[in-house]
Amino acid sequence: MEEKLCFKFEKAKDITVESRKFLPFIRKELPELQFTEDKINVLLALQRIDTKKILNFLADELNILLPPSAEKELCGVDTVEFLGIKPRLEDDLDIEYENLTHNLGLENQGGKYNFSSELPPLSQSRNSKHCSKMTRDELEQELATFGIPYVYARTKDAADALAKLKDGTLKVNTTPLENSLNTLSKLEKVLRRTKNQQTLEDELRKSNTQNAETSKPYPDKNVTLNPFEIDSQFTFQDSFVETQQMATIGLGIAETRQKLSQTRQEVGEIHREIAQLRETVERSLEANKKQGDQLSQMQNRRPEWYEMNQLGSQYSRPLPQNPFYHTHTQCPEEMVKKAYDFPRFTYPRNVDNLFANQPSIYVKPPKLGTPEFKKEEPIEFLKQIERYAEIAGWDEYHKKICLAAALEKANVLWYINNRTYLGTLSFEEFKKKFVKEFKETTNLGNDLLEFQTRVQTEDESGRDYLEKKLYLASTIRDRLTDKELIEIIISGFRPEMAEKVYLLQNETIHQLRENVRKVEQAKTIGKPAHKPSVQSNIVQKTSDLESKLDELSRLIKNIQLEKQVNAVKATNQYSDRNKEENGHRSRYYDGCGKTENNFPKK
């Protein structure tokens, strides 16, 4: 078997050259190909060399006469195997050659292959590195040629798997769709060969009939063969030649019929295989459609990782046998079902919250019972519910459910009678109604008095005083606005602290807390700097600041005096009003001739 290359031209005859004559030329043009003679693919090597150089080699070195403008008229180069003189048919070539030309970047334009187009570099077509010395990108490219994604934890595992794949010790199972496609390609080859066989048989049948007609010595006359008639119109030698020709024709027809029957059987088997393949392809298409629908639904509801892995493992090809995947990517169905049945809880990711940096992972909450409600301590009961909600990650709906369950457990008639109305309220509104219902009036008055009289001590920092003041305000928060609450808190600071905090903007509790922290940290306000060059400016600024602070201190004292005066006026008015009412009552009793002592005491 000898392989030759066939150069096809548009207007000239094809030129056939032995492949081995190109080996010196290939080694000269492509010195990076460090292969022996039997390992060089001449056709692929020539596709990496310029077409003009190949034609010059044919004309100069091999002394082959080329047509004019051969570079433009060249249609393509093909391999032809010869056994003696008979070439192999062009239709019997592998379909993989077309895929190979497409992968190599050869453009097919109207049946012409453009060999002058840019080809991929040699490192992409064949990597001569050892698997253990490849980088991660190179391993990923090499594994992609075998249809395996790079999902290894270490490059060493990927290199071992690639080496086993190249040696043939590790085989990758193909999917049903790939099996069907491979079978279809094989069937296409068989159908091509069957068609060529049928055309050859038709040509043989025609030639046999023509030979039978031309073999008669007298085609226009019906002559019977009689070997005993020596004086007949033809000799015995002619009859012998005729019988020999008829025998060869009969043998050819019998052989043709036998081949036709075999071909019919093969065609029947092919049709049956095609029907089976059609069913498998339809089933695989339906399965892929279902898979796409399920994946789209899962993307809409954002499923868990293990659920996606479980669904994807039913359709994706199995990975190579590696112990890493048995322990990390595969999960038994019972464990998945058990994990999926667990309730989902997560911490709230609020930017203003202290737990903003906490990861939003699903965590099983601790077992917390419903707190017991005592009518004497409604505020403590609400604080306990808030603490439970922070631990378990409850939202307002769960808080309200826990509060309602505790009230039902304690058999609180207020909640039982107003259940439908309270169910429509939010948790904050529910909490206000709850505090208003169960908090005693005397306790609220004592809490308000304690909150107003609480001031900052000498050994107490500003932040400690602020937090303790806010804790006292939690019981009477609904009776004060934010502005009133902030004014009462600032008035309780020490004078030097209150003057500095009053200068800053304090619209919310958060801003007040930040301002107190800044004032405590700024310990060097009003002190002169160490540099003598800017000492005069600093002294001037500090003097201005001191004057402003003096004005503010006077204003604060005036405000406090006004409050005291207003309180005294209010008490005087109240006492005057009581006196007037008592005097009017005494005059009324005197006019009636009765005194207050005549009435029975209650």
Foldseek 3Di string as FASTA:
>chain_A
DFKWKWWDFDPDDIDIGGQLVCVVVLCVVCVVPPDDSVPDDSQVSVLQDDPVVVVCCCCPVVVDDADPPNVVGTQDMDMWDDDDNDIDDPLLDAPVVVVVCVQQPFDQDPSGTDSRDDGDDPCLVDPPDQLVPDDPVSLQSLVVVLVAGPPDPDSVVSSVVSVCVVVVVWDFDDALVVVLVVVVSVLVSVVSVLVVLVVVLVVLLVVLVVCLQVLDPDNVDDDDDDQVPCPDPDHPVSVVVNVVSVVVSVVSVVVSVVVVVVSVVVVVVSVVVVVVSVVSVVVVVVVVVVLVVVVVVCVVVVDDPLVVLVSVVVGDTDDIDDVVCVPPRDDDPVVVVVVVPADFAFADQDPPDPCNVPDGDTDRADDDDQDADDLACLPVNLVVLVVSCNRRVDDQVVSVVSVLVNCVVVVPVVCVVCVVVLVVDTNVVNSVVSLVVRPDPVVLVVLVVVLQPAADDPPDALLVLLVVSVVSCVSVVVVDDQVVSVVSSLLRYDLVLSLQLVVDDPPGSVVSNVSSVVVVVPPCQLPADPDPVCRVVSPVVSVVVVVSSVVSSVVSVVVVVVVVVVVVVVVVVVVVVVVVVVVVVQVVQVVVVHGPVVDDDD
